[in-house]
């Protein structure tokens, strides 16, 4: 069986990149004298290194004791729905903005 050495070291894969984004990236890479392959590898490496360096978020204990709650007439479910709708709208807007770039 004849196996090439580079097949043991590298893996090939396909990814879908929006056309507009790919055009912008290629134009920048031409100016920098870099290849798309180099840019993808560098980006993946930076992402992994950044995640490795991140310290986990720890929420401080802000609990309190006592019989304190929401005031009379406050609808906790209405607040939850409003926060959820706002968060969903922000996510949709961020996704749209990300793909327009």
C-alpha atoms as a PDB file:
ATOM      1  CA  UNK A   1       0.000   0.000   0.000  1.00  0.00           C
ATOM      2  CA  UNK A   2       1.451   3.367  -1.042  1.00  0.00           C
ATOM      3  CA  UNK A   3       0.621   6.142   1.487  1.00  0.00           C
ATOM      4  CA  UNK A   4       1.828   9.710   1.058  1.00  0.00           C
ATOM      5  CA  UNK A   5       3.438  11.284   4.116  1.00  0.00           C
ATOM      6  CA  UNK A   6       1.396  14.526   3.888  1.00  0.00           C
ATOM      7  CA  UNK A   7      -1.805  12.484   4.117  1.00  0.00           C
ATOM      8  CA  UNK A   8      -0.739  11.413   7.598  1.00  0.00           C
ATOM      9  CA  UNK A   9      -0.087  14.988   8.745  1.00  0.00           C
ATOM     10  CA  UNK A  10      -2.916  17.053   7.224  1.00  0.00           C
ATOM     11  CA  UNK A  11      -6.642  16.684   6.801  1.00  0.00           C
ATOM     12  CA  UNK A  12      -8.656  18.226   3.989  1.00  0.00           C
ATOM     13  CA  UNK A  13     -12.114  19.611   4.517  1.00  0.00           C
ATOM     14  CA  UNK A  14     -14.646  21.838   2.774  1.00  0.00           C
ATOM     15  CA  UNK A  15     -16.353  24.868   4.251  1.00  0.00           C
ATOM     16  CA  UNK A  16     -19.059  27.167   2.923  1.00  0.00           C
ATOM     17  CA  UNK A  17     -18.151  30.849   3.093  1.00  0.00           C
ATOM     18  CA  UNK A  18     -20.569  33.567   1.972  1.00  0.00           C
ATOM     19  CA  UNK A  19     -19.444  34.975  -1.408  1.00  0.00           C
ATOM     20  CA  UNK A  20     -19.252  38.591  -0.251  1.00  0.00           C
ATOM     21  CA  UNK A  21     -17.115  37.662   2.739  1.00  0.00           C
ATOM     22  CA  UNK A  22     -14.804  35.483   0.661  1.00  0.00           C
ATOM     23  CA  UNK A  23     -14.271  38.306  -1.868  1.00  0.00           C
ATOM     24  CA  UNK A  24     -13.278  40.718   0.930  1.00  0.00           C
ATOM     25  CA  UNK A  25     -10.954  38.177   2.502  1.00  0.00           C
ATOM     26  CA  UNK A  26      -9.253  37.320  -0.785  1.00  0.00           C
ATOM     27  CA  UNK A  27      -8.702  41.011  -1.583  1.00  0.00           C
ATOM     28  CA  UNK A  28      -7.066  41.570   1.801  1.00  0.00           C
ATOM     29  CA  UNK A  29      -4.965  38.422   1.507  1.00  0.00           C
ATOM     30  CA  UNK A  30      -3.674  39.486  -1.921  1.00  0.00           C
ATOM     31  CA  UNK A  31      -2.477  42.766  -0.366  1.00  0.00           C
ATOM     32  CA  UNK A  32      -0.816  40.857   2.479  1.00  0.00           C
ATOM     33  CA  UNK A  33       0.708  38.214   0.196  1.00  0.00           C
ATOM     34  CA  UNK A  34      -0.965  35.397   2.127  1.00  0.00           C
ATOM     35  CA  UNK A  35      -3.071  32.432   1.075  1.00  0.00           C
ATOM     36  CA  UNK A  36      -6.584  31.573   2.174  1.00  0.00           C
ATOM     37  CA  UNK A  37      -5.196  28.374   3.663  1.00  0.00           C
ATOM     38  CA  UNK A  38      -2.756  30.369   5.829  1.00  0.00           C
ATOM     39  CA  UNK A  39      -5.520  32.732   6.959  1.00  0.00           C
ATOM     40  CA  UNK A  40      -7.838  29.882   7.948  1.00  0.00           C
ATOM     41  CA  UNK A  41      -5.098  28.078   9.864  1.00  0.00           C
ATOM     42  CA  UNK A  42      -4.047  31.309  11.622  1.00  0.00           C
ATOM     43  CA  UNK A  43      -7.649  32.119  12.521  1.00  0.00           C
ATOM     44  CA  UNK A  44      -8.322  28.658  13.906  1.00  0.00           C
ATOM     45  CA  UNK A  45      -5.067  28.729  15.865  1.00  0.00           C
ATOM     46  CA  UNK A  46      -5.900  32.157  17.359  1.00  0.00           C
ATOM     47  CA  UNK A  47      -9.384  30.992  18.325  1.00  0.00           C
ATOM     48  CA  UNK A  48      -8.092  27.893  20.095  1.00  0.00           C
ATOM     49  CA  UNK A  49      -5.338  29.835  21.884  1.00  0.00           C
ATOM     50  CA  UNK A  50      -7.794  32.542  22.996  1.00  0.00           C
ATOM     51  CA  UNK A  51     -10.157  29.919  24.401  1.00  0.00           C
ATOM     52  CA  UNK A  52      -7.270  28.210  26.202  1.00  0.00           C
ATOM     53  CA  UNK A  53      -6.242  31.503  27.853  1.00  0.00           C
ATOM     54  CA  UNK A  54      -9.735  32.469  28.992  1.00  0.00           C
ATOM     55  CA  UNK A  55     -10.430  32.124  32.662  1.00  0.00           C
ATOM     56  CA  UNK A  56     -13.868  30.793  33.470  1.00  0.00           C
ATOM     57  CA  UNK A  57     -16.408  33.383  34.551  1.00  0.00           C
ATOM     58  CA  UNK A  58     -17.398  33.159  38.199  1.00  0.00           C
ATOM     59  CA  UNK A  59     -20.564  34.872  39.303  1.00  0.00           C
ATOM     60  CA  UNK A  60     -20.211  36.478  42.690  1.00  0.00           C
ATOM     61  CA  UNK A  61     -22.736  35.523  45.330  1.00  0.00           C
ATOM     62  CA  UNK A  62     -25.238  38.370  45.374  1.00  0.00           C
ATOM     63  CA  UNK A  63     -27.992  36.477  47.124  1.00  0.00           C
ATOM     64  CA  UNK A  64     -29.845  37.992  50.047  1.00  0.00           C
ATOM     65  CA  UNK A  65     -32.026  36.667  52.779  1.00  0.00           C
ATOM     66  CA  UNK A  66     -35.372  37.810  53.944  1.00  0.00           C
ATOM     67  CA  UNK A  67     -38.892  37.929  52.655  1.00  0.00           C
ATOM     68  CA  UNK A  68     -38.238  40.342  49.837  1.00  0.00           C
ATOM     69  CA  UNK A  69     -39.789  39.879  46.423  1.00  0.00           C
ATOM     70  CA  UNK A  70     -41.362  41.779  43.585  1.00  0.00           C
ATOM     71  CA  UNK A  71     -43.743  44.570  44.415  1.00  0.00           C
ATOM     72  CA  UNK A  72     -47.509  44.208  44.220  1.00  0.00           C
ATOM     73  CA  UNK A  73     -48.891  43.959  40.698  1.00  0.00           C
ATOM     74  CA  UNK A  74     -45.531  43.017  39.159  1.00  0.00           C
ATOM     75  CA  UNK A  75     -45.836  40.324  36.487  1.00  0.00           C
ATOM     76  CA  UNK A  76     -42.671  38.223  36.535  1.00  0.00           C
ATOM     77  CA  UNK A  77     -43.756  36.258  33.435  1.00  0.00           C
ATOM     78  CA  UNK A  78     -44.272  39.466  31.467  1.00  0.00           C
ATOM     79  CA  UNK A  79     -40.731  40.560  32.279  1.00  0.00           C
ATOM     80  CA  UNK A  80     -39.333  37.177  31.273  1.00  0.00           C
ATOM     81  CA  UNK A  81     -41.152  37.326  27.917  1.00  0.00           C
ATOM     82  CA  UNK A  82     -39.947  40.881  27.265  1.00  0.00           C
ATOM     83  CA  UNK A  83     -36.329  39.964  28.029  1.00  0.00           C
ATOM     84  CA  UNK A  84     -36.542  36.854  25.829  1.00  0.00           C
ATOM     85  CA  UNK A  85     -38.017  38.808  22.877  1.00  0.00           C
ATOM     86  CA  UNK A  86     -35.346  41.492  23.225  1.00  0.00           C
ATOM     87  CA  UNK A  87     -32.559  38.888  23.310  1.00  0.00           C
ATOM     88  CA  UNK A  88     -33.943  37.110  20.244  1.00  0.00           C
ATOM     89  CA  UNK A  89     -34.186  40.393  18.323  1.00  0.00           C
ATOM     90  CA  UNK A  90     -30.584  41.253  19.199  1.00  0.00           C
ATOM     91  CA  UNK A  91     -29.349  37.829  18.061  1.00  0.00           C
ATOM     92  CA  UNK A  92     -31.163  38.125  14.732  1.00  0.00           C
ATOM     93  CA  UNK A  93     -29.729  41.618  14.195  1.00  0.00           C
ATOM     94  CA  UNK A  94     -26.188  40.457  15.056  1.00  0.00           C
ATOM     95  CA  UNK A  95     -26.437  37.497  12.665  1.00  0.00           C
ATOM     96  CA  UNK A  96     -27.709  39.726   9.858  1.00  0.00           C
ATOM     97  CA  UNK A  97     -24.912  42.235  10.467  1.00  0.00           C
ATOM     98  CA  UNK A  98     -22.269  39.498  10.559  1.00  0.00           C
ATOM     99  CA  UNK A  99     -23.264  38.134   7.150  1.00  0.00           C
ATOM    100  CA  UNK A 100     -23.555  41.572   5.546  1.00  0.00           C
ATOM    101  CA  UNK A 101     -19.880  42.266   6.221  1.00  0.00           C
END
